[in-house]
């Protein structure tokens, strides 16, 4: 009878280890310009359609969405160790 040893690794499968970012987004709904209020100096912003297609990436706190077709978009705001996602309505 031969013996063998097996090692099992446990991996944390959390969706995101980042904390929730303290940020406000306004106005919502918007006809174009949105503003982000946060104390974070450096942020990354990614705007996606509901299907997940990236429609814009930004690094500022004022973002013009007027070129987008009216509809619902997700605004991902990411700082160093925190993040937040907003559902934004782009109106006519």
N, C-alpha and C. Protein backbone atom coordinates (compact mmCIF):
# COMPACT_ATOMS: atom_id res chain seq x y z
N UNK A 1 0.84 -1.17 0.00
CA UNK A 1 0.00 0.00 0.00
C UNK A 1 0.89 1.23 0.00
N UNK A 2 0.72 2.08 -0.98
CA UNK A 2 1.54 3.29 -1.05
C UNK A 2 0.76 4.46 -0.45
N UNK A 3 1.45 5.29 0.29
CA UNK A 3 0.82 6.46 0.90
C UNK A 3 1.14 7.71 0.10
N UNK A 4 0.30 8.66 0.15
CA UNK A 4 0.58 9.92 -0.51
C UNK A 4 0.02 11.06 0.33
N UNK A 5 0.54 12.24 0.08
CA UNK A 5 0.13 13.43 0.81
C UNK A 5 -0.47 14.42 -0.17
N UNK A 6 -1.52 15.08 0.22
CA UNK A 6 -2.16 16.05 -0.65
C UNK A 6 -2.31 17.37 0.11
N UNK A 7 -1.95 18.46 -0.55
CA UNK A 7 -2.08 19.78 0.05
C UNK A 7 -3.23 20.52 -0.62
N UNK A 8 -4.07 21.11 0.18
CA UNK A 8 -5.20 21.88 -0.35
C UNK A 8 -5.00 23.33 0.05
N UNK A 9 -5.05 24.22 -0.95
CA UNK A 9 -4.94 25.66 -0.69
C UNK A 9 -6.33 26.27 -0.67
N UNK A 10 -6.55 27.16 0.28
CA UNK A 10 -7.82 27.87 0.36
C UNK A 10 -7.58 29.28 -0.15
N UNK A 11 -8.41 29.72 -1.09
CA UNK A 11 -8.28 31.04 -1.69
C UNK A 11 -9.52 31.85 -1.36
N UNK A 12 -9.32 33.08 -0.94
CA UNK A 12 -10.43 33.99 -0.68
C UNK A 12 -11.03 34.42 -2.01
N UNK A 13 -12.30 34.15 -2.23
CA UNK A 13 -12.96 34.48 -3.49
C UNK A 13 -13.88 35.67 -3.35
N UNK A 14 -13.51 36.63 -2.52
CA UNK A 14 -14.36 37.81 -2.37
C UNK A 14 -14.37 38.62 -3.66
N UNK A 15 -15.47 39.30 -3.90
CA UNK A 15 -15.62 40.08 -5.11
C UNK A 15 -14.64 41.25 -5.11
N UNK A 16 -14.52 41.93 -3.98
CA UNK A 16 -13.65 43.09 -3.92
C UNK A 16 -13.28 43.34 -2.47
N UNK A 17 -11.98 43.46 -2.20
CA UNK A 17 -11.52 43.70 -0.85
C UNK A 17 -11.43 45.19 -0.53
N UNK A 18 -11.82 46.05 -1.46
CA UNK A 18 -11.75 47.48 -1.24
C UNK A 18 -12.88 47.96 -0.34
N UNK A 19 -12.60 49.02 0.40
CA UNK A 19 -13.62 49.64 1.24
C UNK A 19 -14.52 50.49 0.36
N UNK A 20 -15.68 50.85 0.87
CA UNK A 20 -16.59 51.72 0.13
C UNK A 20 -16.05 53.15 0.18
N UNK A 21 -15.91 53.76 -0.97
CA UNK A 21 -15.37 55.11 -1.09
C UNK A 21 -16.41 56.13 -0.64
N UNK A 22 -15.98 57.11 0.13
CA UNK A 22 -16.85 58.21 0.56
C UNK A 22 -16.89 59.24 -0.57
N UNK A 23 -17.92 59.17 -1.38
CA UNK A 23 -18.06 60.07 -2.54
C UNK A 23 -19.53 60.29 -2.81
N UNK A 24 -19.85 61.48 -3.28
CA UNK A 24 -21.21 61.80 -3.71
C UNK A 24 -21.17 62.15 -5.19
N UNK A 25 -22.23 61.79 -5.90
CA UNK A 25 -22.35 62.08 -7.34
C UNK A 25 -23.65 62.85 -7.55
N UNK A 26 -23.57 63.94 -8.29
CA UNK A 26 -24.78 64.72 -8.57
C UNK A 26 -24.62 65.47 -9.88
N UNK A 27 -25.64 65.91 -10.56
CA UNK A 27 -27.03 65.52 -10.35
C UNK A 27 -27.30 64.15 -10.96
N UNK A 28 -28.32 63.52 -10.49
CA UNK A 28 -28.73 62.22 -11.03
C UNK A 28 -30.24 62.12 -10.91
N UNK A 29 -30.96 62.15 -12.03
CA UNK A 29 -30.51 62.04 -13.41
C UNK A 29 -29.79 63.32 -13.87
N UNK A 30 -29.06 63.17 -14.98
CA UNK A 30 -28.29 64.28 -15.55
C UNK A 30 -28.56 64.39 -17.04
N UNK A 31 -28.44 65.61 -17.56
CA UNK A 31 -28.52 65.78 -19.01
C UNK A 31 -27.12 65.89 -19.61
N UNK A 32 -26.10 65.71 -18.79
CA UNK A 32 -24.74 65.74 -19.31
C UNK A 32 -23.68 65.74 -18.25
N UNK A 33 -23.48 66.89 -17.58
CA UNK A 33 -22.37 67.05 -16.64
C UNK A 33 -22.71 66.43 -15.28
N UNK A 34 -21.81 65.57 -14.78
CA UNK A 34 -21.92 65.06 -13.41
C UNK A 34 -20.70 65.52 -12.63
N UNK A 35 -20.90 65.69 -11.35
CA UNK A 35 -19.81 66.11 -10.46
C UNK A 35 -19.67 65.09 -9.34
N UNK A 36 -18.43 64.84 -8.95
CA UNK A 36 -18.11 63.92 -7.86
C UNK A 36 -17.54 64.73 -6.71
N UNK A 37 -18.10 64.55 -5.53
CA UNK A 37 -17.58 65.21 -4.33
C UNK A 37 -16.92 64.17 -3.44
N UNK A 38 -15.60 64.31 -3.28
CA UNK A 38 -14.83 63.40 -2.43
C UNK A 38 -13.58 64.12 -1.94
N UNK A 39 -13.05 63.68 -0.82
CA UNK A 39 -11.81 64.24 -0.30
C UNK A 39 -10.58 63.62 -0.96
N UNK A 40 -10.78 62.57 -1.74
CA UNK A 40 -9.66 61.89 -2.39
C UNK A 40 -9.02 62.82 -3.42
N UNK A 41 -7.71 62.91 -3.40
CA UNK A 41 -6.98 63.74 -4.35
C UNK A 41 -6.96 63.11 -5.74
N UNK A 42 -6.74 61.81 -5.78
CA UNK A 42 -6.59 61.10 -7.05
C UNK A 42 -7.67 60.03 -7.17
N UNK A 43 -8.46 60.11 -8.24
CA UNK A 43 -9.48 59.10 -8.48
C UNK A 43 -9.44 58.66 -9.94
N UNK A 44 -9.93 57.47 -10.18
CA UNK A 44 -10.14 56.98 -11.53
C UNK A 44 -11.63 56.74 -11.67
N UNK A 45 -12.18 57.14 -12.81
CA UNK A 45 -13.61 56.97 -13.05
C UNK A 45 -13.77 56.21 -14.36
N UNK A 46 -14.59 55.16 -14.31
CA UNK A 46 -14.89 54.37 -15.51
C UNK A 46 -16.40 54.36 -15.67
N UNK A 47 -16.88 54.75 -16.84
CA UNK A 47 -18.32 54.74 -17.13
C UNK A 47 -18.58 53.56 -18.06
N UNK A 48 -19.55 52.73 -17.67
CA UNK A 48 -19.90 51.57 -18.48
C UNK A 48 -21.39 51.54 -18.77
N UNK A 49 -21.74 50.89 -19.87
CA UNK A 49 -23.15 50.62 -20.15
C UNK A 49 -23.58 49.49 -19.22
N UNK A 50 -24.89 49.24 -19.17
CA UNK A 50 -25.36 48.13 -18.32
C UNK A 50 -24.91 46.78 -18.84
N UNK A 51 -24.53 46.71 -20.11
CA UNK A 51 -24.02 45.45 -20.66
C UNK A 51 -22.53 45.25 -20.36
N UNK A 52 -21.90 46.26 -19.73
CA UNK A 52 -20.50 46.14 -19.33
C UNK A 52 -19.50 46.79 -20.27
N UNK A 53 -19.95 47.36 -21.39
CA UNK A 53 -19.04 48.02 -22.32
C UNK A 53 -18.55 49.33 -21.71
N UNK A 54 -17.23 49.54 -21.72
CA UNK A 54 -16.65 50.78 -21.21
C UNK A 54 -16.89 51.89 -22.23
N UNK A 55 -17.56 52.95 -21.80
CA UNK A 55 -17.86 54.06 -22.71
C UNK A 55 -17.01 55.29 -22.40
N UNK A 56 -16.23 55.24 -21.32
CA UNK A 56 -15.33 56.35 -21.01
C UNK A 56 -14.54 56.10 -19.76
N UNK A 57 -13.31 56.64 -19.73
CA UNK A 57 -12.47 56.60 -18.53
C UNK A 57 -11.96 58.02 -18.27
N UNK A 58 -11.91 58.39 -17.00
CA UNK A 58 -11.58 59.76 -16.62
C UNK A 58 -10.75 59.76 -15.35
N UNK A 59 -10.10 60.91 -15.08
CA UNK A 59 -9.36 61.08 -13.83
C UNK A 59 -9.69 62.42 -13.20
N UNK A 60 -10.86 62.96 -13.50
CA UNK A 60 -11.27 64.23 -12.91
C UNK A 60 -12.61 64.08 -12.20
N UNK A 61 -12.98 65.13 -11.46
CA UNK A 61 -14.20 65.08 -10.65
C UNK A 61 -15.41 65.68 -11.34
N UNK A 62 -15.24 66.23 -12.53
CA UNK A 62 -16.36 66.70 -13.36
C UNK A 62 -16.29 65.96 -14.68
N UNK A 63 -17.40 65.30 -15.04
CA UNK A 63 -17.41 64.45 -16.23
C UNK A 63 -18.60 64.81 -17.09
N UNK A 64 -18.35 65.01 -18.37
CA UNK A 64 -19.41 65.36 -19.32
C UNK A 64 -19.91 64.10 -20.02
N UNK A 65 -21.16 63.73 -19.75
CA UNK A 65 -21.77 62.55 -20.37
C UNK A 65 -22.72 62.92 -21.50
N UNK A 66 -22.71 64.18 -21.93
CA UNK A 66 -23.68 64.64 -22.92
C UNK A 66 -23.53 63.94 -24.27
N UNK A 67 -22.38 63.38 -24.57
CA UNK A 67 -22.18 62.67 -25.85
C UNK A 67 -22.80 61.28 -25.83
N UNK A 68 -23.18 60.79 -24.65
CA UNK A 68 -23.76 59.45 -24.55
C UNK A 68 -25.25 59.48 -24.87
N UNK A 69 -25.73 58.39 -25.43
CA UNK A 69 -27.16 58.21 -25.70
C UNK A 69 -27.90 58.19 -24.37
N UNK A 70 -29.05 58.86 -24.27
CA UNK A 70 -29.82 58.79 -23.03
C UNK A 70 -30.08 57.34 -22.62
N UNK A 71 -29.94 57.07 -21.35
CA UNK A 71 -30.11 55.71 -20.83
C UNK A 71 -29.50 55.61 -19.45
N UNK A 72 -29.29 54.39 -18.99
CA UNK A 72 -28.74 54.12 -17.66
C UNK A 72 -27.29 53.64 -17.82
N UNK A 73 -26.40 54.19 -17.02
CA UNK A 73 -24.98 53.85 -17.06
C UNK A 73 -24.49 53.59 -15.64
N UNK A 74 -23.39 52.86 -15.52
CA UNK A 74 -22.73 52.64 -14.24
C UNK A 74 -21.47 53.48 -14.20
N UNK A 75 -21.30 54.24 -13.12
CA UNK A 75 -20.11 55.06 -12.93
C UNK A 75 -19.31 54.43 -11.80
N UNK A 76 -18.14 53.90 -12.14
CA UNK A 76 -17.24 53.25 -11.19
C UNK A 76 -16.21 54.28 -10.75
N UNK A 77 -16.21 54.62 -9.46
CA UNK A 77 -15.25 55.58 -8.92
C UNK A 77 -14.27 54.81 -8.05
N UNK A 78 -12.98 54.92 -8.39
CA UNK A 78 -11.96 54.11 -7.72
C UNK A 78 -10.86 55.03 -7.18
N UNK A 79 -10.56 54.88 -5.89
CA UNK A 79 -9.43 55.58 -5.28
C UNK A 79 -8.41 54.52 -4.88
N UNK A 80 -7.42 54.91 -4.10
CA UNK A 80 -6.32 53.99 -3.79
C UNK A 80 -6.79 52.66 -3.21
N UNK A 81 -7.55 52.69 -2.12
CA UNK A 81 -7.98 51.44 -1.47
C UNK A 81 -9.48 51.37 -1.28
N UNK A 82 -10.22 52.12 -2.08
CA UNK A 82 -11.67 52.13 -1.94
C UNK A 82 -12.33 52.36 -3.29
N UNK A 83 -13.60 52.00 -3.37
CA UNK A 83 -14.32 52.14 -4.63
C UNK A 83 -15.81 52.26 -4.37
N UNK A 84 -16.52 52.77 -5.36
CA UNK A 84 -17.98 52.86 -5.27
C UNK A 84 -18.55 52.88 -6.69
N UNK A 85 -19.72 52.30 -6.85
CA UNK A 85 -20.38 52.26 -8.15
C UNK A 85 -21.74 52.94 -8.03
N UNK A 86 -22.01 53.86 -8.97
CA UNK A 86 -23.28 54.57 -9.01
C UNK A 86 -24.03 54.17 -10.28
N UNK A 87 -25.34 54.07 -10.17
CA UNK A 87 -26.19 53.92 -11.34
C UNK A 87 -26.66 55.33 -11.70
N UNK A 88 -26.34 55.78 -12.92
CA UNK A 88 -26.65 57.13 -13.34
C UNK A 88 -27.59 57.11 -14.53
N UNK A 89 -28.62 57.96 -14.49
CA UNK A 89 -29.54 58.09 -15.61
C UNK A 89 -29.12 59.29 -16.43
N UNK A 90 -28.79 59.04 -17.70
CA UNK A 90 -28.48 60.12 -18.66
C UNK A 90 -29.78 60.46 -19.36
N UNK A 91 -30.35 61.62 -19.02
CA UNK A 91 -31.65 62.00 -19.58
C UNK A 91 -31.46 62.86 -20.83
N UNK A 92 -32.57 63.21 -21.47
CA UNK A 92 -32.52 64.02 -22.71
C UNK A 92 -32.22 65.46 -22.40
